[in-house]
Amino acid sequence: MKKILPIFSYIFHPIFIPVMATLVYLFFNISFFVNQEKLFVLFQILIVTVIIPILLFLLLRATGKIDSIMVPEVSQRKIPLIIHCFLLILLVRKSITLDRYPELHFFFLGALMSTLQALVLSFFKTKASLHMMGISSLTVFVMGLSIHYQIQNSFMITLLILMNGFVASSRLEMKAHTPSELILGFLLGSVPQLLLLYLWL
């Protein structure tokens, strides 16, 4: 089990959460968008939240600003979090707009709020688990979609709740976080999503 647990840290790395949220959103709206538009939306988010961050990570690692893709040191988190904030702002203002994709818009808005809070905490040398922030925000978003579209999706929600536990255990096993940092990350990810539910449910 000790060898398996770290896998969850890579599968549910924060960089992949926006794409996962988008796939779930498009699945719930399977009859609303044509396939071409689905691919276009997914492609945009893939570029902005995965491809660009990976390229910037390689640049930051080459210049010695970051040691690992897990960004273990608080001092190394500031630049990636600032960049992530700007990329999320770009998405909610120019691409995933309120009038076209309201549910997904609020997810990214919540993600922006979470990222800003994590950034502020980093200046006070406080580390929150970005993994827990990501998986908890995705879990609340899927719950919200299930309520919004009145679709029974207990399997996916149960699976995501289990994944919260596996990701937390993975981060503890890798000695990447303390329990308090995991709880803080969970709250940073879930609370903004819960607050924004009232605007689109």
N, C-alpha and C. Protein backbone atom coordinates (compact mmCIF):
# COMPACT_ATOMS: atom_id res chain seq x y z
N MET A 1 0.84 -1.22 0.00
CA MET A 1 0.00 0.00 0.00
C MET A 1 0.87 1.26 0.00
N LYS A 2 2.02 1.18 0.69
CA LYS A 2 2.92 2.35 0.75
C LYS A 2 3.47 2.72 -0.62
N LYS A 3 3.59 1.70 -1.48
CA LYS A 3 4.09 1.96 -2.83
C LYS A 3 2.99 2.49 -3.75
N ILE A 4 1.74 2.12 -3.43
CA ILE A 4 0.61 2.53 -4.27
C ILE A 4 0.16 3.95 -3.96
N LEU A 5 0.15 4.33 -2.68
CA LEU A 5 -0.38 5.63 -2.26
C LEU A 5 0.21 6.82 -3.00
N PRO A 6 1.56 6.89 -3.21
CA PRO A 6 2.11 8.06 -3.92
C PRO A 6 1.55 8.27 -5.32
N ILE A 7 1.01 7.20 -5.92
CA ILE A 7 0.44 7.32 -7.27
C ILE A 7 -0.70 8.34 -7.28
N PHE A 8 -1.48 8.38 -6.19
CA PHE A 8 -2.61 9.30 -6.12
C PHE A 8 -2.17 10.76 -6.13
N SER A 9 -0.96 11.02 -5.63
CA SER A 9 -0.44 12.39 -5.65
C SER A 9 -0.16 12.86 -7.07
N TYR A 10 0.17 11.91 -7.94
CA TYR A 10 0.45 12.27 -9.33
C TYR A 10 -0.82 12.29 -10.18
N ILE A 11 -1.71 11.32 -9.95
CA ILE A 11 -2.96 11.28 -10.72
C ILE A 11 -3.80 12.52 -10.44
N PHE A 12 -3.87 12.90 -9.14
CA PHE A 12 -4.68 14.05 -8.75
C PHE A 12 -3.81 15.26 -8.41
N HIS A 13 -2.74 15.41 -9.18
CA HIS A 13 -1.92 16.61 -9.04
C HIS A 13 -2.79 17.82 -9.37
N PRO A 14 -2.63 18.93 -8.65
CA PRO A 14 -3.47 20.12 -8.87
C PRO A 14 -3.53 20.59 -10.32
N ILE A 15 -2.49 20.31 -11.07
CA ILE A 15 -2.44 20.78 -12.46
C ILE A 15 -3.49 20.08 -13.33
N PHE A 16 -3.92 18.88 -12.92
CA PHE A 16 -4.89 18.12 -13.72
C PHE A 16 -6.34 18.36 -13.31
N ILE A 17 -6.57 18.97 -12.16
CA ILE A 17 -7.93 19.15 -11.64
C ILE A 17 -8.83 19.98 -12.58
N PRO A 18 -8.35 21.11 -13.15
CA PRO A 18 -9.22 21.87 -14.07
C PRO A 18 -9.70 21.04 -15.26
N VAL A 19 -8.84 20.21 -15.81
CA VAL A 19 -9.22 19.37 -16.95
C VAL A 19 -10.25 18.33 -16.50
N MET A 20 -10.05 17.77 -15.31
CA MET A 20 -11.02 16.80 -14.78
C MET A 20 -12.38 17.45 -14.57
N ALA A 21 -12.38 18.65 -14.00
CA ALA A 21 -13.64 19.38 -13.78
C ALA A 21 -14.33 19.67 -15.10
N THR A 22 -13.56 20.02 -16.12
CA THR A 22 -14.12 20.33 -17.43
C THR A 22 -14.74 19.08 -18.07
N LEU A 23 -14.06 17.96 -17.95
CA LEU A 23 -14.58 16.71 -18.50
C LEU A 23 -15.91 16.33 -17.84
N VAL A 24 -15.98 16.50 -16.52
CA VAL A 24 -17.23 16.20 -15.80
C VAL A 24 -18.33 17.15 -16.25
N TYR A 25 -17.99 18.43 -16.38
CA TYR A 25 -18.96 19.44 -16.81
C TYR A 25 -19.50 19.11 -18.20
N LEU A 26 -18.63 18.77 -19.12
CA LEU A 26 -19.05 18.43 -20.48
C LEU A 26 -19.88 17.15 -20.50
N PHE A 27 -19.56 16.22 -19.61
CA PHE A 27 -20.33 14.98 -19.50
C PHE A 27 -21.77 15.28 -19.05
N PHE A 28 -21.91 16.18 -18.09
CA PHE A 28 -23.23 16.55 -17.60
C PHE A 28 -24.02 17.31 -18.67
N ASN A 29 -23.31 17.97 -19.57
CA ASN A 29 -23.95 18.74 -20.64
C ASN A 29 -23.81 18.04 -21.98
N ILE A 30 -23.93 16.73 -21.97
CA ILE A 30 -23.64 15.92 -23.15
C ILE A 30 -24.50 16.28 -24.36
N SER A 31 -25.72 16.76 -24.13
CA SER A 31 -26.61 17.07 -25.25
C SER A 31 -26.67 18.56 -25.56
N PHE A 32 -25.99 19.37 -24.74
CA PHE A 32 -26.09 20.82 -24.91
C PHE A 32 -25.07 21.37 -25.90
N PHE A 33 -23.88 20.81 -25.89
CA PHE A 33 -22.82 21.29 -26.78
C PHE A 33 -22.57 20.29 -27.91
N VAL A 34 -22.21 20.82 -29.06
CA VAL A 34 -21.80 19.95 -30.16
C VAL A 34 -20.36 19.49 -29.88
N ASN A 35 -19.96 18.39 -30.50
CA ASN A 35 -18.65 17.81 -30.24
C ASN A 35 -17.51 18.78 -30.52
N GLN A 36 -17.66 19.60 -31.56
CA GLN A 36 -16.62 20.54 -31.92
C GLN A 36 -16.39 21.56 -30.80
N GLU A 37 -17.48 22.04 -30.22
CA GLU A 37 -17.35 23.01 -29.13
C GLU A 37 -16.76 22.37 -27.88
N LYS A 38 -17.13 21.13 -27.61
CA LYS A 38 -16.57 20.42 -26.46
C LYS A 38 -15.05 20.31 -26.59
N LEU A 39 -14.61 19.92 -27.77
CA LEU A 39 -13.17 19.80 -28.00
C LEU A 39 -12.47 21.14 -27.88
N PHE A 40 -13.13 22.20 -28.36
CA PHE A 40 -12.56 23.54 -28.31
C PHE A 40 -12.38 23.99 -26.86
N VAL A 41 -13.41 23.79 -26.04
CA VAL A 41 -13.35 24.16 -24.62
C VAL A 41 -12.27 23.37 -23.90
N LEU A 42 -12.28 22.06 -24.12
CA LEU A 42 -11.31 21.19 -23.47
C LEU A 42 -9.88 21.54 -23.90
N PHE A 43 -9.71 21.85 -25.17
CA PHE A 43 -8.39 22.18 -25.70
C PHE A 43 -7.87 23.48 -25.08
N GLN A 44 -8.75 24.47 -24.96
CA GLN A 44 -8.36 25.74 -24.33
C GLN A 44 -7.86 25.52 -22.91
N ILE A 45 -8.65 24.79 -22.14
CA ILE A 45 -8.32 24.57 -20.72
C ILE A 45 -7.07 23.71 -20.59
N LEU A 46 -6.90 22.74 -21.48
CA LEU A 46 -5.70 21.92 -21.48
C LEU A 46 -4.45 22.77 -21.70
N ILE A 47 -4.53 23.70 -22.64
CA ILE A 47 -3.39 24.55 -22.93
C ILE A 47 -3.09 25.49 -21.76
N VAL A 48 -4.15 26.16 -21.26
CA VAL A 48 -3.96 27.20 -20.23
C VAL A 48 -3.59 26.63 -18.87
N THR A 49 -4.17 25.48 -18.50
CA THR A 49 -3.97 24.97 -17.14
C THR A 49 -2.97 23.81 -17.05
N VAL A 50 -2.59 23.22 -18.19
CA VAL A 50 -1.64 22.10 -18.15
C VAL A 50 -0.38 22.40 -18.96
N ILE A 51 -0.54 22.67 -20.24
CA ILE A 51 0.62 22.83 -21.12
C ILE A 51 1.47 24.04 -20.70
N ILE A 52 0.83 25.20 -20.56
CA ILE A 52 1.59 26.41 -20.18
C ILE A 52 2.25 26.25 -18.81
N PRO A 53 1.53 25.77 -17.77
CA PRO A 53 2.20 25.55 -16.47
C PRO A 53 3.38 24.58 -16.53
N ILE A 54 3.26 23.52 -17.34
CA ILE A 54 4.38 22.57 -17.46
C ILE A 54 5.59 23.25 -18.09
N LEU A 55 5.36 24.03 -19.14
CA LEU A 55 6.47 24.74 -19.79
C LEU A 55 7.11 25.74 -18.82
N LEU A 56 6.27 26.44 -18.06
CA LEU A 56 6.79 27.40 -17.08
C LEU A 56 7.53 26.68 -15.95
N PHE A 57 7.05 25.49 -15.57
CA PHE A 57 7.74 24.70 -14.55
C PHE A 57 9.14 24.32 -15.02
N LEU A 58 9.23 23.87 -16.28
CA LEU A 58 10.54 23.50 -16.83
C LEU A 58 11.48 24.70 -16.84
N LEU A 59 10.94 25.88 -17.15
CA LEU A 59 11.74 27.10 -17.15
C LEU A 59 12.19 27.45 -15.73
N LEU A 60 11.26 27.36 -14.78
CA LEU A 60 11.59 27.69 -13.39
C LEU A 60 12.59 26.69 -12.80
N ARG A 61 12.45 25.44 -13.17
CA ARG A 61 13.40 24.43 -12.67
C ARG A 61 14.78 24.63 -13.27
N ALA A 62 14.81 25.02 -14.54
CA ALA A 62 16.09 25.27 -15.21
C ALA A 62 16.82 26.45 -14.60
N THR A 63 16.05 27.42 -14.10
CA THR A 63 16.66 28.60 -13.48
C THR A 63 16.85 28.45 -11.97
N GLY A 64 16.50 27.27 -11.45
CA GLY A 64 16.72 27.00 -10.04
C GLY A 64 15.67 27.57 -9.10
N LYS A 65 14.55 28.01 -9.64
CA LYS A 65 13.49 28.58 -8.80
C LYS A 65 12.63 27.50 -8.13
N ILE A 66 12.58 26.32 -8.77
CA ILE A 66 11.78 25.21 -8.26
C ILE A 66 12.61 23.93 -8.34
N ASP A 67 12.47 23.08 -7.32
CA ASP A 67 13.23 21.82 -7.29
C ASP A 67 12.42 20.64 -7.83
N SER A 68 11.11 20.64 -7.56
CA SER A 68 10.29 19.49 -7.89
C SER A 68 8.91 19.93 -8.36
N ILE A 69 8.25 19.06 -9.13
CA ILE A 69 6.90 19.35 -9.60
C ILE A 69 5.91 19.41 -8.44
N MET A 70 6.27 18.84 -7.29
CA MET A 70 5.42 18.89 -6.11
C MET A 70 5.58 20.20 -5.33
N VAL A 71 6.60 20.99 -5.67
CA VAL A 71 6.87 22.30 -5.04
C VAL A 71 6.75 22.19 -3.51
N PRO A 72 7.68 21.47 -2.87
CA PRO A 72 7.56 21.21 -1.44
C PRO A 72 7.83 22.42 -0.55
N GLU A 73 8.68 23.33 -1.00
CA GLU A 73 9.05 24.48 -0.17
C GLU A 73 8.06 25.63 -0.35
N VAL A 74 7.68 26.25 0.78
CA VAL A 74 6.74 27.37 0.73
C VAL A 74 7.30 28.51 -0.10
N SER A 75 8.58 28.78 0.04
CA SER A 75 9.20 29.90 -0.66
C SER A 75 9.17 29.72 -2.18
N GLN A 76 9.09 28.46 -2.64
CA GLN A 76 9.09 28.18 -4.08
C GLN A 76 7.69 28.24 -4.68
N ARG A 77 6.68 28.40 -3.84
CA ARG A 77 5.29 28.36 -4.31
C ARG A 77 4.80 29.70 -4.85
N LYS A 78 5.44 30.77 -4.48
CA LYS A 78 4.90 32.10 -4.79
C LYS A 78 4.78 32.34 -6.29
N ILE A 79 5.86 32.11 -7.03
CA ILE A 79 5.84 32.37 -8.47
C ILE A 79 4.82 31.48 -9.19
N PRO A 80 4.82 30.15 -8.95
CA PRO A 80 3.80 29.31 -9.61
C PRO A 80 2.37 29.72 -9.27
N LEU A 81 2.12 30.10 -8.02
CA LEU A 81 0.76 30.49 -7.63
C LEU A 81 0.36 31.81 -8.29
N ILE A 82 1.29 32.74 -8.38
CA ILE A 82 1.01 34.02 -9.06
C ILE A 82 0.67 33.77 -10.54
N ILE A 83 1.47 32.93 -11.18
CA ILE A 83 1.24 32.60 -12.59
C ILE A 83 -0.12 31.92 -12.76
N HIS A 84 -0.42 31.00 -11.83
CA HIS A 84 -1.70 30.27 -11.90
C HIS A 84 -2.88 31.23 -11.75
N CYS A 85 -2.74 32.23 -10.89
CA CYS A 85 -3.80 33.24 -10.71
C CYS A 85 -4.06 33.98 -12.02
N PHE A 86 -3.00 34.39 -12.68
CA PHE A 86 -3.15 35.12 -13.94
C PHE A 86 -3.79 34.25 -15.02
N LEU A 87 -3.43 32.97 -15.06
CA LEU A 87 -4.01 32.06 -16.05
C LEU A 87 -5.49 31.84 -15.78
N LEU A 88 -5.87 31.73 -14.51
CA LEU A 88 -7.28 31.57 -14.16
C LEU A 88 -8.08 32.83 -14.49
N ILE A 89 -7.49 33.98 -14.24
CA ILE A 89 -8.15 35.25 -14.59
C ILE A 89 -8.38 35.32 -16.10
N LEU A 90 -7.39 34.88 -16.85
CA LEU A 90 -7.53 34.85 -18.32
C LEU A 90 -8.69 33.97 -18.74
N LEU A 91 -8.84 32.82 -18.09
CA LEU A 91 -9.93 31.91 -18.43
C LEU A 91 -11.30 32.50 -18.12
N VAL A 92 -11.48 33.03 -16.91
CA VAL A 92 -12.81 33.50 -16.51
C VAL A 92 -13.21 34.79 -17.21
N ARG A 93 -12.24 35.55 -17.70
CA ARG A 93 -12.56 36.82 -18.37
C ARG A 93 -12.69 36.67 -19.89
N LYS A 94 -11.92 35.80 -20.47
CA LYS A 94 -11.85 35.74 -21.93
C LYS A 94 -12.41 34.46 -22.55
N SER A 95 -12.43 33.37 -21.80
CA SER A 95 -12.78 32.09 -22.42
C SER A 95 -14.00 31.44 -21.76
N ILE A 96 -13.87 31.08 -20.51
CA ILE A 96 -14.96 30.41 -19.80
C ILE A 96 -15.82 31.49 -19.14
N THR A 97 -16.63 32.12 -19.97
CA THR A 97 -17.39 33.29 -19.52
C THR A 97 -18.70 32.89 -18.83
N LEU A 98 -19.22 33.82 -18.05
CA LEU A 98 -20.44 33.58 -17.27
C LEU A 98 -21.65 33.34 -18.17
N ASP A 99 -21.73 34.06 -19.29
CA ASP A 99 -22.91 33.94 -20.15
C ASP A 99 -22.93 32.63 -20.94
N ARG A 100 -21.76 32.04 -21.19
CA ARG A 100 -21.69 30.83 -22.02
C ARG A 100 -21.57 29.54 -21.20
N TYR A 101 -20.71 29.57 -20.20
CA TYR A 101 -20.46 28.38 -19.38
C TYR A 101 -20.56 28.74 -17.90
N PRO A 102 -21.74 29.07 -17.41
CA PRO A 102 -21.87 29.62 -16.05
C PRO A 102 -21.35 28.70 -14.95
N GLU A 103 -21.68 27.41 -14.98
CA GLU A 103 -21.24 26.50 -13.92
C GLU A 103 -19.72 26.38 -13.89
N LEU A 104 -19.14 26.18 -15.08
CA LEU A 104 -17.69 26.04 -15.17
C LEU A 104 -17.00 27.36 -14.82
N HIS A 105 -17.63 28.47 -15.19
CA HIS A 105 -17.11 29.79 -14.85
C HIS A 105 -16.96 29.94 -13.34
N PHE A 106 -17.99 29.54 -12.60
CA PHE A 106 -17.94 29.66 -11.15
C PHE A 106 -16.94 28.68 -10.53
N PHE A 107 -16.74 27.52 -11.17
CA PHE A 107 -15.71 26.61 -10.67
C PHE A 107 -14.34 27.27 -10.73
N PHE A 108 -14.04 27.88 -11.89
CA PHE A 108 -12.73 28.52 -12.05
C PHE A 108 -12.62 29.78 -11.19
N LEU A 109 -13.72 30.44 -10.98
CA LEU A 109 -13.72 31.59 -10.07
C LEU A 109 -13.40 31.13 -8.64
N GLY A 110 -14.00 30.01 -8.24
CA GLY A 110 -13.69 29.44 -6.93
C GLY A 110 -12.24 29.00 -6.84
N ALA A 111 -11.74 28.41 -7.92
CA ALA A 111 -10.33 28.00 -7.97
C ALA A 111 -9.41 29.21 -7.84
N LEU A 112 -9.79 30.32 -8.45
CA LEU A 112 -9.02 31.56 -8.34
C LEU A 112 -9.00 32.05 -6.89
N MET A 113 -10.16 32.02 -6.24
CA MET A 113 -10.24 32.43 -4.84
C MET A 113 -9.35 31.55 -3.96
N SER A 114 -9.38 30.25 -4.20
CA SER A 114 -8.56 29.32 -3.43
C SER A 114 -7.07 29.58 -3.65
N THR A 115 -6.70 29.80 -4.91
CA THR A 115 -5.30 30.04 -5.25
C THR A 115 -4.79 31.33 -4.63
N LEU A 116 -5.62 32.37 -4.65
CA LEU A 116 -5.24 33.65 -4.04
C LEU A 116 -5.01 33.49 -2.54
N GLN A 117 -5.86 32.72 -1.88
CA GLN A 117 -5.69 32.49 -0.45
C GLN A 117 -4.42 31.70 -0.16
N ALA A 118 -4.14 30.69 -0.98
CA ALA A 118 -2.91 29.92 -0.82
C ALA A 118 -1.69 30.80 -1.04
N LEU A 119 -1.79 31.73 -1.99
CA LEU A 119 -0.70 32.67 -2.27
C LEU A 119 -0.45 33.59 -1.08
N VAL A 120 -1.52 34.13 -0.53
CA VAL A 120 -1.39 35.02 0.64
C VAL A 120 -0.75 34.26 1.81
N LEU A 121 -1.19 33.03 2.03
CA LEU A 121 -0.62 32.22 3.12
C LEU A 121 0.87 31.95 2.92
N SER A 122 1.28 31.81 1.67
CA SER A 122 2.70 31.54 1.39
C SER A 122 3.58 32.70 1.80
N PHE A 123 3.05 33.92 1.75
CA PHE A 123 3.82 35.08 2.18
C PHE A 123 3.97 35.12 3.70
N PHE A 124 3.10 34.37 4.39
CA PHE A 124 3.21 34.25 5.85
C PHE A 124 3.87 32.92 6.23
N LYS A 125 4.53 32.29 5.24
CA LYS A 125 5.25 31.04 5.43
C LYS A 125 4.35 29.92 5.95
N THR A 126 3.10 29.95 5.50
CA THR A 126 2.15 28.91 5.86
C THR A 126 1.83 28.08 4.62
N LYS A 127 1.99 26.78 4.74
CA LYS A 127 1.80 25.90 3.59
C LYS A 127 0.48 25.14 3.71
N ALA A 128 -0.35 25.25 2.69
CA ALA A 128 -1.57 24.46 2.60
C ALA A 128 -1.38 23.43 1.50
N SER A 129 -2.02 22.30 1.63
CA SER A 129 -1.90 21.25 0.62
C SER A 129 -2.67 21.63 -0.64
N LEU A 130 -1.93 21.87 -1.71
CA LEU A 130 -2.57 22.21 -2.99
C LEU A 130 -3.29 20.99 -3.58
N HIS A 131 -2.78 19.79 -3.25
CA HIS A 131 -3.46 18.58 -3.70
C HIS A 131 -4.85 18.48 -3.09
N MET A 132 -4.94 18.72 -1.79
CA MET A 132 -6.24 18.66 -1.12
C MET A 132 -7.14 19.80 -1.59
N MET A 133 -6.54 20.94 -1.87
CA MET A 133 -7.29 22.07 -2.37
C MET A 133 -7.94 21.72 -3.71
N GLY A 134 -7.21 21.03 -4.55
CA GLY A 134 -7.72 20.66 -5.86
C GLY A 134 -8.80 19.60 -5.81
N ILE A 135 -8.53 18.50 -5.11
CA ILE A 135 -9.48 17.38 -5.09
C ILE A 135 -10.76 17.74 -4.33
N SER A 136 -10.65 18.57 -3.28
CA SER A 136 -11.85 18.97 -2.53
C SER A 136 -12.73 19.92 -3.36
N SER A 137 -12.09 20.81 -4.12
CA SER A 137 -12.86 21.72 -4.98
C SER A 137 -13.59 20.94 -6.07
N LEU A 138 -12.93 19.94 -6.63
CA LEU A 138 -13.55 19.10 -7.66
C LEU A 138 -14.74 18.32 -7.08
N THR A 139 -14.59 17.82 -5.87
CA THR A 139 -15.65 17.06 -5.22
C THR A 139 -16.90 17.91 -5.01
N VAL A 140 -16.72 19.12 -4.49
CA VAL A 140 -17.86 20.02 -4.26
C VAL A 140 -18.50 20.41 -5.59
N PHE A 141 -17.69 20.63 -6.61
CA PHE A 141 -18.20 21.01 -7.93
C PHE A 141 -19.08 19.91 -8.52
N VAL A 142 -18.63 18.67 -8.41
CA VAL A 142 -19.40 17.54 -8.92
C VAL A 142 -20.71 17.39 -8.15
N MET A 143 -20.65 17.58 -6.84
CA MET A 143 -21.88 17.55 -6.04
C MET A 143 -22.85 18.63 -6.50
N GLY A 144 -22.32 19.82 -6.75
CA GLY A 144 -23.15 20.93 -7.22
C GLY A 144 -23.78 20.65 -8.57
N LEU A 145 -23.01 20.05 -9.48
CA LEU A 145 -23.55 19.70 -10.80
C LEU A 145 -24.66 18.67 -10.69
N SER A 146 -24.48 17.70 -9.79
CA SER A 146 -25.50 16.67 -9.60
C SER A 146 -26.81 17.27 -9.11
N ILE A 147 -26.72 18.23 -8.19
CA ILE A 147 -27.91 18.90 -7.68
C ILE A 147 -28.53 19.78 -8.76
N HIS A 148 -27.66 20.53 -9.46
CA HIS A 148 -28.12 21.49 -10.47
C HIS A 148 -28.88 20.82 -11.60
N TYR A 149 -28.35 19.69 -12.07
CA TYR A 149 -28.98 18.98 -13.19
C TYR A 149 -29.90 17.86 -12.73
N GLN A 150 -30.04 17.72 -11.41
CA GLN A 150 -30.92 16.71 -10.82
C GLN A 150 -30.63 15.31 -11.38
N ILE A 151 -29.35 14.99 -11.34
CA ILE A 151 -28.89 13.69 -11.84
C ILE A 151 -28.32 12.89 -10.68
N GLN A 152 -28.77 11.65 -10.54
CA GLN A 152 -28.22 10.77 -9.51
C GLN A 152 -26.81 10.37 -9.92
N ASN A 153 -25.83 10.83 -9.16
CA ASN A 153 -24.45 10.54 -9.50
C ASN A 153 -23.69 10.11 -8.26
N SER A 154 -24.32 9.24 -7.49
CA SER A 154 -23.75 8.84 -6.20
C SER A 154 -22.43 8.10 -6.35
N PHE A 155 -22.26 7.35 -7.46
CA PHE A 155 -21.02 6.60 -7.65
C PHE A 155 -19.82 7.54 -7.78
N MET A 156 -19.95 8.56 -8.64
CA MET A 156 -18.85 9.49 -8.85
C MET A 156 -18.54 10.30 -7.59
N ILE A 157 -19.59 10.72 -6.89
CA ILE A 157 -19.40 11.50 -5.67
C ILE A 157 -18.72 10.65 -4.59
N THR A 158 -19.18 9.41 -4.44
CA THR A 158 -18.56 8.51 -3.46
C THR A 158 -17.10 8.25 -3.81
N LEU A 159 -16.84 8.07 -5.10
CA LEU A 159 -15.46 7.84 -5.56
C LEU A 159 -14.58 9.04 -5.24
N LEU A 160 -15.09 10.25 -5.48
CA LEU A 160 -14.31 11.46 -5.22
C LEU A 160 -14.06 11.65 -3.72
N ILE A 161 -15.05 11.32 -2.91
CA ILE A 161 -14.86 11.41 -1.46
C ILE A 161 -13.76 10.44 -1.01
N LEU A 162 -13.76 9.24 -1.59
CA LEU A 162 -12.70 8.27 -1.30
C LEU A 162 -11.35 8.79 -1.76
N MET A 163 -11.34 9.45 -2.93
CA MET A 163 -10.10 9.99 -3.45
C MET A 163 -9.53 11.10 -2.55
N ASN A 164 -10.41 11.85 -1.90
CA ASN A 164 -9.94 12.84 -0.92
C ASN A 164 -9.11 12.15 0.16
N GLY A 165 -9.62 11.01 0.62
CA GLY A 165 -8.90 10.26 1.65
C GLY A 165 -7.60 9.67 1.13
N PHE A 166 -7.63 9.14 -0.09
CA PHE A 166 -6.42 8.55 -0.66
C PHE A 166 -5.35 9.61 -0.93
N VAL A 167 -5.77 10.76 -1.43
CA VAL A 167 -4.81 11.84 -1.68
C VAL A 167 -4.20 12.33 -0.38
N ALA A 168 -5.03 12.50 0.65
CA ALA A 168 -4.51 12.92 1.96
C ALA A 168 -3.52 11.90 2.50
N SER A 169 -3.88 10.62 2.40
CA SER A 169 -2.98 9.56 2.87
C SER A 169 -1.69 9.54 2.07
N SER A 170 -1.81 9.80 0.78
CA SER A 170 -0.65 9.85 -0.10
C SER A 170 0.32 10.96 0.31
N ARG A 171 -0.24 12.13 0.60
CA ARG A 171 0.61 13.26 0.99
C ARG A 171 1.28 13.01 2.34
N LEU A 172 0.57 12.33 3.25
CA LEU A 172 1.17 11.98 4.54
C LEU A 172 2.27 10.93 4.37
N GLU A 173 1.98 9.95 3.51
CA GLU A 173 2.95 8.88 3.26
C GLU A 173 4.24 9.43 2.65
N MET A 174 4.10 10.43 1.79
CA MET A 174 5.26 11.05 1.15
C MET A 174 5.92 12.09 2.04
N LYS A 175 5.34 12.28 3.24
CA LYS A 175 5.85 13.27 4.20
C LYS A 175 5.91 14.67 3.59
N ALA A 176 4.91 14.95 2.74
CA ALA A 176 4.85 16.26 2.08
C ALA A 176 4.09 17.28 2.91
N HIS A 177 3.20 16.80 3.80
CA HIS A 177 2.35 17.70 4.58
C HIS A 177 2.09 17.13 5.97
N THR A 178 1.73 18.03 6.86
CA THR A 178 1.23 17.65 8.17
C THR A 178 -0.30 17.55 8.07
N PRO A 179 -0.95 16.89 9.02
CA PRO A 179 -2.42 16.84 9.00
C PRO A 179 -3.08 18.21 8.96
N SER A 180 -2.52 19.19 9.67
CA SER A 180 -3.11 20.53 9.67
C SER A 180 -3.01 21.19 8.30
N GLU A 181 -1.94 20.93 7.57
CA GLU A 181 -1.78 21.48 6.22
C GLU A 181 -2.78 20.84 5.25
N LEU A 182 -3.06 19.57 5.47
CA LEU A 182 -4.06 18.88 4.65
C LEU A 182 -5.46 19.43 4.91
N ILE A 183 -5.78 19.65 6.18
CA ILE A 183 -7.09 20.21 6.54
C ILE A 183 -7.23 21.62 5.98
N LEU A 184 -6.16 22.41 6.08
CA LEU A 184 -6.18 23.77 5.55
C LEU A 184 -6.40 23.76 4.04
N GLY A 185 -5.73 22.86 3.34
CA GLY A 185 -5.91 22.74 1.90
C GLY A 185 -7.32 22.33 1.54
N PHE A 186 -7.88 21.39 2.31
CA PHE A 186 -9.26 20.95 2.09
C PHE A 186 -10.23 22.12 2.22
N LEU A 187 -10.04 22.93 3.25
CA LEU A 187 -10.93 24.08 3.48
C LEU A 187 -10.76 25.15 2.39
N LEU A 188 -9.51 25.38 1.98
CA LEU A 188 -9.27 26.38 0.93
C LEU A 188 -9.92 25.98 -0.39
N GLY A 189 -9.97 24.69 -0.65
CA GLY A 189 -10.56 24.22 -1.90
C GLY A 189 -12.07 24.14 -1.86
N SER A 190 -12.62 23.66 -0.75
CA SER A 190 -14.06 23.39 -0.68
C SER A 190 -14.91 24.60 -0.33
N VAL A 191 -14.43 25.44 0.58
CA VAL A 191 -15.26 26.56 1.05
C VAL A 191 -15.62 27.55 -0.07
N PRO A 192 -14.65 28.02 -0.89
CA PRO A 192 -15.04 28.93 -1.99
C PRO A 192 -16.05 28.30 -2.95
N GLN A 193 -15.88 27.01 -3.24
CA GLN A 193 -16.84 26.33 -4.12
C GLN A 193 -18.22 26.27 -3.48
N LEU A 194 -18.28 25.99 -2.18
CA LEU A 194 -19.55 25.94 -1.48
C LEU A 194 -20.23 27.30 -1.47
N LEU A 195 -19.46 28.35 -1.25
CA LEU A 195 -20.03 29.71 -1.22
C LEU A 195 -20.58 30.11 -2.58
N LEU A 196 -19.88 29.72 -3.64
CA LEU A 196 -20.31 30.09 -4.99
C LEU A 196 -21.48 29.25 -5.50
N LEU A 197 -21.73 28.11 -4.85
CA LEU A 197 -22.88 27.29 -5.25
C LEU A 197 -24.18 28.09 -5.22
N TYR A 198 -24.29 29.01 -4.28
CA TYR A 198 -25.52 29.80 -4.13
C TYR A 198 -25.76 30.70 -5.34
N LEU A 199 -24.72 30.94 -6.13
CA LEU A 199 -24.87 31.83 -7.29
C LEU A 199 -25.29 31.09 -8.56
N TRP A 200 -25.13 29.76 -8.57
CA TRP A 200 -25.52 29.07 -9.81
C TRP A 200 -26.40 27.85 -9.61
N LEU A 201 -26.66 27.45 -8.39
CA LEU A 201 -27.59 26.33 -8.20
C LEU A 201 -29.02 26.75 -8.48
